């Protein structure tokens, strides 16, 4: 974030030229899908799931990408298909 110490703004502006996120889908330790997303939404469609051959417990990981630092901290979510 740019000027992250300010408490006057509702949202602190990003110091990036574009907003990007890295999305990973795992089945256990196996990486099934890696996507780069340019918005705050992403859908794991039925077609993607079919291509990945998914079933059972999966883990989704999301990290914001920085041009300066690479992936930031990851948020993890487990779900079952």
N, C-alpha and C. Protein backbone atom coordinates (compact mmCIF):
# COMPACT_ATOMS: atom_id res chain seq x y z
N UNK A 1 0.83 -1.19 0.00
CA UNK A 1 0.00 0.00 0.00
C UNK A 1 0.88 1.25 0.00
N UNK A 2 0.37 2.29 -0.58
CA UNK A 2 1.06 3.56 -0.66
C UNK A 2 0.63 4.43 0.51
N UNK A 3 1.59 4.98 1.24
CA UNK A 3 1.30 5.82 2.42
C UNK A 3 0.38 5.10 3.39
N UNK A 4 0.74 3.88 3.76
CA UNK A 4 -0.09 3.01 4.58
C UNK A 4 -0.29 3.47 6.01
N UNK A 5 0.41 4.51 6.46
CA UNK A 5 0.29 4.96 7.84
C UNK A 5 -0.87 5.92 8.06
N UNK A 6 -1.51 6.37 6.99
CA UNK A 6 -2.59 7.35 7.11
C UNK A 6 -3.88 6.67 7.57
N UNK A 7 -4.57 7.28 8.54
CA UNK A 7 -5.86 6.78 9.02
C UNK A 7 -7.01 7.63 8.48
N UNK A 8 -6.70 8.60 7.62
CA UNK A 8 -7.71 9.53 7.11
C UNK A 8 -8.51 8.97 5.94
N UNK A 9 -8.00 7.97 5.26
CA UNK A 9 -8.65 7.44 4.06
C UNK A 9 -9.44 6.18 4.38
N UNK A 10 -10.55 6.00 3.69
CA UNK A 10 -11.35 4.78 3.87
C UNK A 10 -10.59 3.57 3.35
N UNK A 11 -9.89 3.73 2.24
CA UNK A 11 -9.07 2.66 1.68
C UNK A 11 -7.76 3.26 1.20
N UNK A 12 -6.66 2.66 1.62
CA UNK A 12 -5.33 3.16 1.25
C UNK A 12 -5.03 2.73 -0.17
N UNK A 13 -4.56 3.65 -1.05
CA UNK A 13 -4.30 3.30 -2.44
C UNK A 13 -3.16 2.29 -2.59
N UNK A 14 -3.29 1.42 -3.57
CA UNK A 14 -2.24 0.46 -3.86
C UNK A 14 -1.07 1.16 -4.55
N UNK A 15 0.13 0.70 -4.28
CA UNK A 15 1.32 1.23 -4.95
C UNK A 15 1.66 0.34 -6.15
N UNK A 16 0.68 -0.19 -6.81
CA UNK A 16 0.84 -1.08 -7.95
C UNK A 16 0.17 -0.46 -9.17
N UNK A 17 0.66 -0.81 -10.36
CA UNK A 17 0.05 -0.29 -11.58
C UNK A 17 -1.22 -1.03 -11.95
N UNK A 18 -1.38 -2.25 -11.41
CA UNK A 18 -2.59 -3.03 -11.67
C UNK A 18 -2.87 -3.95 -10.49
N UNK A 19 -4.13 -4.32 -10.35
CA UNK A 19 -4.56 -5.23 -9.30
C UNK A 19 -4.50 -6.65 -9.83
N UNK A 20 -3.74 -7.52 -9.14
CA UNK A 20 -3.59 -8.91 -9.58
C UNK A 20 -3.58 -9.84 -8.38
N UNK A 21 -4.12 -11.03 -8.59
CA UNK A 21 -4.16 -12.05 -7.55
C UNK A 21 -3.72 -13.38 -8.14
N UNK A 22 -3.11 -14.20 -7.31
CA UNK A 22 -2.75 -15.55 -7.71
C UNK A 22 -3.70 -16.51 -6.99
N UNK A 23 -4.35 -17.38 -7.76
CA UNK A 23 -5.28 -18.36 -7.23
C UNK A 23 -4.71 -19.75 -7.50
N UNK A 24 -4.65 -20.56 -6.45
CA UNK A 24 -4.18 -21.94 -6.58
C UNK A 24 -5.23 -22.88 -6.02
N UNK A 25 -5.42 -24.02 -6.71
CA UNK A 25 -6.29 -25.08 -6.23
C UNK A 25 -5.43 -26.32 -6.01
N UNK A 26 -5.52 -26.88 -4.80
CA UNK A 26 -4.76 -28.07 -4.44
C UNK A 26 -5.70 -29.21 -4.08
N UNK A 27 -5.25 -30.42 -4.39
CA UNK A 27 -5.84 -31.64 -3.85
C UNK A 27 -4.71 -32.29 -3.07
N UNK A 28 -4.77 -32.21 -1.75
CA UNK A 28 -3.64 -32.63 -0.93
C UNK A 28 -2.44 -31.74 -1.25
N UNK A 29 -1.31 -32.35 -1.59
CA UNK A 29 -0.10 -31.58 -1.94
C UNK A 29 -0.02 -31.30 -3.44
N UNK A 30 -0.95 -31.88 -4.22
CA UNK A 30 -0.91 -31.73 -5.68
C UNK A 30 -1.58 -30.44 -6.13
N UNK A 31 -0.83 -29.61 -6.86
CA UNK A 31 -1.37 -28.39 -7.44
C UNK A 31 -2.18 -28.76 -8.68
N UNK A 32 -3.48 -28.45 -8.66
CA UNK A 32 -4.35 -28.77 -9.79
C UNK A 32 -4.51 -27.61 -10.76
N UNK A 33 -4.50 -26.40 -10.22
CA UNK A 33 -4.75 -25.22 -11.07
C UNK A 33 -4.05 -24.01 -10.49
N UNK A 34 -3.47 -23.20 -11.38
CA UNK A 34 -2.83 -21.94 -11.03
C UNK A 34 -3.36 -20.88 -11.99
N UNK A 35 -3.97 -19.84 -11.43
CA UNK A 35 -4.58 -18.78 -12.24
C UNK A 35 -4.08 -17.42 -11.76
N UNK A 36 -3.94 -16.48 -12.69
CA UNK A 36 -3.71 -15.09 -12.33
C UNK A 36 -4.98 -14.32 -12.65
N UNK A 37 -5.49 -13.61 -11.66
CA UNK A 37 -6.79 -12.94 -11.76
C UNK A 37 -6.59 -11.44 -11.61
N UNK A 38 -7.31 -10.66 -12.39
CA UNK A 38 -7.17 -9.20 -12.37
C UNK A 38 -8.37 -8.50 -11.73
N UNK A 39 -9.12 -9.22 -10.91
CA UNK A 39 -10.26 -8.65 -10.20
C UNK A 39 -10.45 -9.41 -8.90
N UNK A 40 -11.34 -8.94 -8.06
CA UNK A 40 -11.52 -9.56 -6.75
C UNK A 40 -12.47 -10.76 -6.77
N UNK A 41 -12.85 -11.21 -7.96
CA UNK A 41 -13.75 -12.35 -8.09
C UNK A 41 -13.12 -13.39 -9.00
N UNK A 42 -13.40 -14.65 -8.71
CA UNK A 42 -12.98 -15.75 -9.57
C UNK A 42 -13.93 -16.91 -9.33
N UNK A 43 -14.27 -17.61 -10.38
CA UNK A 43 -15.22 -18.73 -10.28
C UNK A 43 -14.54 -20.00 -10.77
N UNK A 44 -14.59 -21.03 -9.96
CA UNK A 44 -14.08 -22.35 -10.32
C UNK A 44 -15.20 -23.10 -11.00
N UNK A 45 -15.31 -22.91 -12.29
CA UNK A 45 -16.45 -23.41 -13.06
C UNK A 45 -16.47 -24.93 -13.13
N UNK A 46 -17.62 -25.46 -13.49
CA UNK A 46 -17.78 -26.91 -13.65
C UNK A 46 -16.83 -27.44 -14.74
N UNK A 47 -16.63 -26.65 -15.79
CA UNK A 47 -15.71 -27.06 -16.86
C UNK A 47 -14.27 -27.15 -16.34
N UNK A 48 -13.85 -26.18 -15.53
CA UNK A 48 -12.51 -26.21 -14.94
C UNK A 48 -12.36 -27.42 -14.03
N UNK A 49 -13.39 -27.65 -13.20
CA UNK A 49 -13.36 -28.78 -12.28
C UNK A 49 -13.25 -30.10 -13.04
N UNK A 50 -13.97 -30.20 -14.15
CA UNK A 50 -13.93 -31.41 -14.96
C UNK A 50 -12.53 -31.62 -15.56
N UNK A 51 -11.95 -30.55 -16.09
CA UNK A 51 -10.59 -30.63 -16.64
C UNK A 51 -9.57 -31.03 -15.58
N UNK A 52 -9.76 -30.53 -14.37
CA UNK A 52 -8.84 -30.83 -13.28
C UNK A 52 -9.08 -32.19 -12.65
N UNK A 53 -10.23 -32.82 -12.97
CA UNK A 53 -10.56 -34.12 -12.42
C UNK A 53 -10.73 -34.10 -10.90
N UNK A 54 -11.36 -33.06 -10.40
CA UNK A 54 -11.45 -32.87 -8.95
C UNK A 54 -12.56 -33.69 -8.32
N UNK A 55 -12.31 -34.06 -7.08
CA UNK A 55 -13.33 -34.67 -6.22
C UNK A 55 -12.77 -34.69 -4.82
N UNK A 56 -13.67 -34.67 -3.85
CA UNK A 56 -13.23 -34.72 -2.46
C UNK A 56 -12.80 -33.37 -1.92
N UNK A 57 -11.91 -33.40 -0.94
CA UNK A 57 -11.46 -32.20 -0.25
C UNK A 57 -10.41 -31.46 -1.07
N UNK A 58 -10.64 -30.17 -1.28
CA UNK A 58 -9.71 -29.31 -2.02
C UNK A 58 -9.34 -28.11 -1.17
N UNK A 59 -8.24 -27.46 -1.53
CA UNK A 59 -7.84 -26.23 -0.86
C UNK A 59 -7.62 -25.15 -1.91
N UNK A 60 -8.24 -24.01 -1.70
CA UNK A 60 -8.06 -22.83 -2.53
C UNK A 60 -7.14 -21.88 -1.78
N UNK A 61 -6.13 -21.34 -2.46
CA UNK A 61 -5.23 -20.35 -1.88
C UNK A 61 -5.25 -19.11 -2.76
N UNK A 62 -5.32 -17.94 -2.13
CA UNK A 62 -5.33 -16.67 -2.85
C UNK A 62 -4.28 -15.75 -2.24
N UNK A 63 -3.51 -15.10 -3.11
CA UNK A 63 -2.52 -14.11 -2.67
C UNK A 63 -2.54 -12.94 -3.63
N UNK A 64 -2.43 -11.74 -3.10
CA UNK A 64 -2.32 -10.57 -3.96
C UNK A 64 -0.90 -10.53 -4.51
N UNK A 65 -0.75 -10.21 -5.80
CA UNK A 65 0.55 -10.15 -6.44
C UNK A 65 1.05 -8.71 -6.47
N UNK A 66 2.31 -8.54 -6.11
CA UNK A 66 2.95 -7.24 -6.14
C UNK A 66 4.06 -7.25 -7.18
N UNK A 67 4.17 -6.19 -7.95
CA UNK A 67 5.26 -6.08 -8.92
C UNK A 67 6.61 -6.01 -8.21
N UNK A 68 6.63 -5.48 -6.99
CA UNK A 68 7.88 -5.33 -6.24
C UNK A 68 8.24 -6.55 -5.41
N UNK A 69 7.23 -7.22 -4.82
CA UNK A 69 7.50 -8.27 -3.85
C UNK A 69 7.01 -9.65 -4.25
N UNK A 70 6.27 -9.78 -5.35
CA UNK A 70 5.70 -11.08 -5.71
C UNK A 70 4.43 -11.34 -4.92
N UNK A 71 4.11 -12.62 -4.67
CA UNK A 71 2.89 -12.94 -3.92
C UNK A 71 2.98 -12.49 -2.47
N UNK A 72 1.88 -11.95 -1.97
CA UNK A 72 1.79 -11.58 -0.56
C UNK A 72 1.34 -12.77 0.27
N UNK A 73 0.85 -12.49 1.46
CA UNK A 73 0.35 -13.56 2.34
C UNK A 73 -0.82 -14.26 1.67
N UNK A 74 -0.90 -15.56 1.86
CA UNK A 74 -1.97 -16.35 1.24
C UNK A 74 -3.13 -16.54 2.21
N UNK A 75 -4.31 -16.49 1.67
CA UNK A 75 -5.54 -16.83 2.40
C UNK A 75 -5.94 -18.22 1.90
N UNK A 76 -6.24 -19.13 2.82
CA UNK A 76 -6.57 -20.51 2.45
C UNK A 76 -8.01 -20.82 2.83
N UNK A 77 -8.64 -21.63 1.99
CA UNK A 77 -10.02 -22.05 2.22
C UNK A 77 -10.16 -23.50 1.75
N UNK A 78 -10.66 -24.36 2.59
CA UNK A 78 -10.88 -25.77 2.22
C UNK A 78 -12.35 -25.99 1.94
N UNK A 79 -12.61 -26.80 0.90
CA UNK A 79 -13.98 -27.11 0.52
C UNK A 79 -14.04 -28.48 -0.11
N UNK A 80 -15.23 -29.04 -0.19
CA UNK A 80 -15.40 -30.39 -0.74
C UNK A 80 -16.29 -30.34 -1.97
N UNK A 81 -15.89 -31.10 -2.98
CA UNK A 81 -16.69 -31.24 -4.20
C UNK A 81 -17.11 -32.69 -4.31
